[in-house]
Each structure stands twice: as structure tokens, then as C-alpha cells.
C-alpha atoms as a PDB file:
ATOM      1  CA  MET A   1       0.070   0.094   0.059  1.00  0.00           C
ATOM      2  CA  PHE A   2       1.225   3.491  -0.664  1.00  0.00           C
ATOM      3  CA  PHE A   3       0.260   6.554   1.457  1.00  0.00           C
ATOM      4  CA  GLY A   4       1.003   9.920   1.026  1.00  0.00           C
ATOM      5  CA  LEU A   5       1.227  12.829   3.458  1.00  0.00           C
ATOM      6  CA  VAL A   6      -1.262  15.646   2.677  1.00  0.00           C
ATOM      7  CA  LYS A   7      -1.613  18.724   4.358  1.00  0.00           C
ATOM      8  CA  GLY A   8      -5.102  20.131   4.726  1.00  0.00           C
ATOM      9  CA  GLU A   9      -5.943  23.309   6.738  1.00  0.00           C
ATOM     10  CA  GLY A  10      -3.029  22.779   9.128  1.00  0.00           C
ATOM     11  CA  ALA A  11      -3.826  19.098   9.990  1.00  0.00           C
ATOM     12  CA  ARG A  12      -1.690  16.287   8.506  1.00  0.00           C
ATOM     13  CA  ILE A  13      -3.916  13.557   7.137  1.00  0.00           C
ATOM     14  CA  LEU A  14      -2.853  10.192   5.830  1.00  0.00           C
ATOM     15  CA  ARG A  15      -4.023   9.744   2.140  1.00  0.00           C
ATOM     16  CA  ARG A  16      -4.001   6.664  -0.117  1.00  0.00           C
ATOM     17  CA  LYS A  17      -2.551   7.126  -3.444  1.00  0.00           C
ATOM     18  CA  ALA A  18      -4.800   6.924  -6.375  1.00  0.00           C
ATOM     19  CA  ILE A  19      -2.432   5.154  -8.665  1.00  0.00           C
ATOM     20  CA  ARG A  20      -1.193   1.808  -7.222  1.00  0.00           C
ATOM     21  CA  THR A  21      -1.534  -0.497 -10.509  1.00  0.00           C
ATOM     22  CA  VAL A  22      -0.149   0.185 -13.880  1.00  0.00           C
ATOM     23  CA  LEU A  23      -0.823  -1.094 -17.184  1.00  0.00           C
ATOM     24  CA  VAL A  24       2.052  -0.596 -19.733  1.00  0.00           C
ATOM     25  CA  VAL A  25       1.314  -0.665 -23.327  1.00  0.00           C
ATOM     26  CA  GLU A  26       4.515   0.000 -25.224  1.00  0.00           C
ATOM     27  CA  ASP A  27       5.815  -2.212 -28.484  1.00  0.00           C
ATOM     28  CA  GLU A  28       9.637  -1.424 -28.023  1.00  0.00           C
ATOM     29  CA  PRO A  29      10.919  -4.288 -25.754  1.00  0.00           C
ATOM     30  CA  LEU A  30      13.451  -2.447 -24.138  1.00  0.00           C
ATOM     31  CA  ILE A  31      11.488   0.401 -23.217  1.00  0.00           C
ATOM     32  CA  ALA A  32       8.738  -1.774 -21.971  1.00  0.00           C
ATOM     33  CA  PHE A  33      11.137  -3.681 -19.848  1.00  0.00           C
ATOM     34  CA  ASP A  34      12.826  -0.628 -18.737  1.00  0.00           C
ATOM     35  CA  ASN A  35       9.372   0.870 -17.635  1.00  0.00           C
ATOM     36  CA  GLU A  36       8.358  -2.158 -15.929  1.00  0.00           C
ATOM     37  CA  HIS A  37      11.542  -2.370 -13.839  1.00  0.00           C
ATOM     38  CA  ALA A  38      11.295   1.321 -12.898  1.00  0.00           C
ATOM     39  CA  LEU A  39       7.628   1.046 -11.812  1.00  0.00           C
ATOM     40  CA  THR A  40       8.376  -2.145  -9.958  1.00  0.00           C
ATOM     41  CA  GLN A  41      11.365  -0.633  -8.037  1.00  0.00           C
ATOM     42  CA  ALA A  42       9.101   2.458  -7.152  1.00  0.00           C
ATOM     43  CA  GLY A  43       6.411   0.105  -5.565  1.00  0.00           C
ATOM     44  CA  TYR A  44       3.863   0.146  -8.505  1.00  0.00           C
ATOM     45  CA  LEU A  45       1.966  -3.143  -9.525  1.00  0.00           C
ATOM     46  CA  ILE A  46       2.195  -3.847 -13.134  1.00  0.00           C
ATOM     47  CA  ALA A  47      -1.397  -5.373 -14.068  1.00  0.00           C
ATOM     48  CA  ALA A  48       0.412  -6.183 -17.280  1.00  0.00           C
ATOM     49  CA  THR A  49       3.062  -5.099 -20.137  1.00  0.00           C
ATOM     50  CA  VAL A  50       1.309  -5.568 -23.397  1.00  0.00           C
ATOM     51  CA  ASP A  51       2.293  -4.199 -26.830  1.00  0.00           C
ATOM     52  CA  ASP A  52      -0.772  -4.179 -28.956  1.00  0.00           C
ATOM     53  CA  HIS A  53      -4.312  -2.782 -28.690  1.00  0.00           C
ATOM     54  CA  ASP A  54      -6.160  -6.066 -27.996  1.00  0.00           C
ATOM     55  CA  HIS A  55      -4.168  -7.131 -25.317  1.00  0.00           C
ATOM     56  CA  ALA A  56      -4.497  -3.790 -23.647  1.00  0.00           C
ATOM     57  CA  VAL A  57      -8.241  -3.933 -24.075  1.00  0.00           C
ATOM     58  CA  SER A  58      -8.368  -7.324 -22.331  1.00  0.00           C
ATOM     59  CA  VAL A  59      -6.492  -6.142 -19.345  1.00  0.00           C
ATOM     60  CA  ILE A  60      -8.432  -2.903 -19.197  1.00  0.00           C
ATOM     61  CA  ASP A  61     -11.845  -4.809 -19.355  1.00  0.00           C
ATOM     62  CA  ALA A  62     -10.497  -7.137 -16.756  1.00  0.00           C
ATOM     63  CA  GLY A  63     -10.402  -4.103 -14.297  1.00  0.00           C
ATOM     64  CA  GLY A  64      -7.886  -3.493 -11.523  1.00  0.00           C
ATOM     65  CA  VAL A  65      -5.899  -0.714 -13.393  1.00  0.00           C
ATOM     66  CA  ASP A  66      -5.603   2.628 -11.868  1.00  0.00           C
ATOM     67  CA  LEU A  67      -3.405   4.167 -14.891  1.00  0.00           C
ATOM     68  CA  VAL A  68      -2.768   3.300 -18.265  1.00  0.00           C
ATOM     69  CA  ILE A  69       0.485   4.401 -19.698  1.00  0.00           C
ATOM     70  CA  ALA A  70       0.504   4.067 -23.442  1.00  0.00           C
ATOM     71  CA  ASP A  71       2.714   4.776 -26.560  1.00  0.00           C
ATOM     72  CA  VAL A  72       0.932   5.948 -29.312  1.00  0.00           C
ATOM     73  CA  ALA A  73       2.497   3.968 -32.118  1.00  0.00           C
ATOM     74  CA  LEU A  74       1.925   0.506 -31.569  1.00  0.00           C
ATOM     75  CA  HIS A  75       2.210  -2.635 -34.038  1.00  0.00           C
ATOM     76  CA  GLY A  76      -0.893  -3.719 -35.593  1.00  0.00           C
ATOM     77  CA  PRO A  77      -3.949  -1.493 -37.091  1.00  0.00           C
ATOM     78  CA  LYS A  78      -4.775   0.256 -33.918  1.00  0.00           C
ATOM     79  CA  SER A  79      -2.694   2.634 -31.987  1.00  0.00           C
ATOM     80  CA  GLY A  80      -2.308   3.780 -28.277  1.00  0.00           C
ATOM     81  CA  ILE A  81      -4.781   6.377 -29.488  1.00  0.00           C
ATOM     82  CA  ASP A  82      -7.136   3.513 -29.718  1.00  0.00           C
ATOM     83  CA  VAL A  83      -6.385   2.150 -26.052  1.00  0.00           C
ATOM     84  CA  ALA A  84      -6.623   5.488 -24.692  1.00  0.00           C
ATOM     85  CA  ARG A  85     -10.481   5.761 -26.248  1.00  0.00           C
ATOM     86  CA  HIS A  86     -11.220   2.510 -24.577  1.00  0.00           C
ATOM     87  CA  ALA A  87      -9.537   3.104 -21.130  1.00  0.00           C
ATOM     88  CA  GLN A  88     -11.576   6.693 -21.171  1.00  0.00           C
ATOM     89  CA  ALA A  89     -14.648   4.941 -21.781  1.00  0.00           C
ATOM     90  CA  LYS A  90     -14.094   2.556 -19.012  1.00  0.00           C
ATOM     91  CA  GLY A  91     -13.091   5.868 -16.813  1.00  0.00           C
ATOM     92  CA  MET A  92      -9.574   4.809 -16.630  1.00  0.00           C
ATOM     93  CA  PRO A  93      -6.884   7.723 -16.755  1.00  0.00           C
ATOM     94  CA  VAL A  94      -4.198   7.525 -19.389  1.00  0.00           C
ATOM     95  CA  LEU A  95      -0.833   9.137 -19.645  1.00  0.00           C
ATOM     96  CA  PHE A  96       0.735   8.871 -23.007  1.00  0.00           C
ATOM     97  CA  VAL A  97       4.415   8.357 -23.421  1.00  0.00           C
ATOM     98  CA  THR A  98       5.365   9.054 -26.886  1.00  0.00           C
ATOM     99  CA  GLY A  99       7.618  11.016 -29.211  1.00  0.00           C
ATOM    100  CA  SER A 100       4.990  13.188 -30.477  1.00  0.00           C
ATOM    101  CA  CYS A 101       1.786  13.782 -28.410  1.00  0.00           C
ATOM    102  CA  PRO A 102      -1.008  13.497 -30.806  1.00  0.00           C
ATOM    103  CA  ILE A 103      -3.445  16.486 -31.496  1.00  0.00           C
ATOM    104  CA  ASP A 104      -6.444  14.696 -29.779  1.00  0.00           C
ATOM    105  CA  ALA A 105      -4.281  13.899 -26.661  1.00  0.00           C
ATOM    106  CA  ARG A 106      -5.992  16.434 -24.519  1.00  0.00           C
ATOM    107  CA  THR A 107      -9.567  14.849 -24.871  1.00  0.00           C
ATOM    108  CA  LEU A 108      -8.156  11.192 -24.183  1.00  0.00           C
ATOM    109  CA  ALA A 109      -5.230  11.609 -21.600  1.00  0.00           C
ATOM    110  CA  LEU A 110      -4.099  13.469 -18.722  1.00  0.00           C
ATOM    111  CA  GLY A 111      -0.906  14.246 -20.093  1.00  0.00           C
ATOM    112  CA  CYS A 112       1.991  13.452 -22.423  1.00  0.00           C
ATOM    113  CA  LEU A 113       5.525  12.347 -21.282  1.00  0.00           C
ATOM    114  CA  ALA A 114       7.976  12.897 -24.144  1.00  0.00           C
ATOM    115  CA  LYS A 115      10.335  10.303 -25.291  1.00  0.00           C
ATOM    116  CA  PRO A 116      13.120   9.783 -24.618  1.00  0.00           C
ATOM    117  CA  TYR A 117      12.841   9.969 -20.892  1.00  0.00           C
ATOM    118  CA  ALA A 118      14.816   8.579 -17.845  1.00  0.00           C
ATOM    119  CA  PRO A 119      12.992   6.262 -15.461  1.00  0.00           C
ATOM    120  CA  ARG A 120      12.975   8.716 -12.601  1.00  0.00           C
ATOM    121  CA  ASP A 121      10.835  11.055 -15.024  1.00  0.00           C
ATOM    122  CA  LEU A 122       8.465   8.330 -15.746  1.00  0.00           C
ATOM    123  CA  ILE A 123       8.038   7.804 -11.735  1.00  0.00           C
ATOM    124  CA  ALA A 124       7.847  11.527 -11.191  1.00  0.00           C
ATOM    125  CA  ALA A 125       5.258  11.873 -14.043  1.00  0.00           C
ATOM    126  CA  ILE A 126       3.099   9.581 -12.303  1.00  0.00           C
ATOM    127  CA  GLY A 127       3.528  11.205  -8.898  1.00  0.00           C
ATOM    128  CA  VAL A 128       2.273  14.400 -10.719  1.00  0.00           C
ATOM    129  CA  VAL A 129      -0.976  12.471 -12.317  1.00  0.00           C
ATOM    130  CA  ASP A 130      -1.328  10.764  -8.749  1.00  0.00           C
ATOM    131  CA  ALA A 131      -1.710  14.128  -7.262  1.00  0.00           C
ATOM    132  CA  MET A 132      -3.965  15.644 -10.120  1.00  0.00           C
ATOM    133  CA  LEU A 133      -6.434  12.701  -9.612  1.00  0.00           C
ATOM    134  CA  ARG A 134      -6.519  13.276  -5.873  1.00  0.00           C
ATOM    135  CA  GLY A 135      -6.854  16.907  -6.169  1.00  0.00           C
ATOM    136  CA  VAL A 136      -3.875  17.885  -3.917  1.00  0.00           C
ATOM    137  CA  ARG A 137      -0.937  19.962  -4.647  1.00  0.00           C
ATOM    138  CA  ARG A 138       1.265  18.882  -7.302  1.00  0.00           C
ATOM    139  CA  PRO A 139       4.969  18.005  -7.079  1.00  0.00           C
ATOM    140  CA  LYS A 140       7.448  19.525  -9.723  1.00  0.00           C
ATOM    141  CA  SER A 141       6.848  18.333 -12.962  1.00  0.00           C
ATOM    142  CA  PRO A 142       9.527  16.534 -14.781  1.00  0.00           C
ATOM    143  CA  PRO A 143      11.263  17.497 -18.073  1.00  0.00           C
ATOM    144  CA  GLY A 144       9.194  16.425 -21.067  1.00  0.00           C
ATOM    145  CA  LEU A 145       5.664  16.224 -19.109  1.00  0.00           C
ATOM    146  CA  SER A 146       2.885  18.169 -20.443  1.00  0.00           C
ATOM    147  CA  LEU A 147      -0.270  18.097 -18.455  1.00  0.00           C
ATOM    148  CA  PHE A 148      -4.029  18.623 -19.783  1.00  0.00           C
ATOM    149  CA  ASP A 149      -5.967  20.200 -16.981  1.00  0.00           C
ATOM    150  CA  PRO A 150      -9.609  19.244 -17.363  1.00  0.00           C
ATOM    151  CA  ALA A 151     -11.529  22.228 -18.120  1.00  0.00           C
END
């Protein structure tokens, strides 16, 4: 379990983190391995690491995922954008990790982390997204993270 210390009206309250289990959608094996390793080392549970739309949809439909981390370009006819649309329909937040953030990303994801990124930047980006989801003060954003605040 993850707990964070949140200050509210002078009182200290322990509050559970919003993101505990992550789905990694990445078709580059070395990047997928690095992401999975970094996330595991940081204490996150990996629901699955998949490299295509259909497997991602299966994991999303099974439930238990708190965040989908998706590359945009995937092998096969469907992309990470299609994965994000499916996750959004299920009420699951998405963070794109990609070389070029898609135009419609603002309507599909909470943000984009630009490739290449260091493992610590991925962990920091998830921390920022977690704070967004909980509605608490956000930590400093890592380099390459673009956030899309809900209107």
C-alpha cells in the first residue's frame, strides 16, 4: 500500500495514493522492460505489459488498473490512441509516453511524457498524475511532461 502525507487546513492527513496498479502499453521491448522495472522498483504493481491494442483492451476490461501508460505508435492496425479511447470509456486515466503527443491527446489523456525520458522522469510523471487525480498540490513536473488540465 502507498500512503502520502497531505496537508489540509493545518492538519496532517494520511491519504491513499490514487495510482497503485499500472498497465504498460509499449511495443518497443527494451522500453517496455525499462518501464516495468522502474515502476516495480518504485513500488507500483504492473497489471500487465502489452504491445498491442487487443491485449491492452483485455487488461482494461478485466479491471483493477489505476493508470494506463501508453505509447501512441503500436504494432498492428490500432494505436495507443485507440487504447486511450477504450480506457476513457471505462473511466480509466491515461498518460501517453510518446515521441510526439497526438493532437487529440487533450481529450483522451491527462498528459504526455515525451520520449526519450529517464526512468525517474516516468516515476515523477506518475506522481504528478496521482496528485492531479487526488486533487492535491502537485509536485514539480519532470522534463518533458505536458499536462492537460480538465476544463
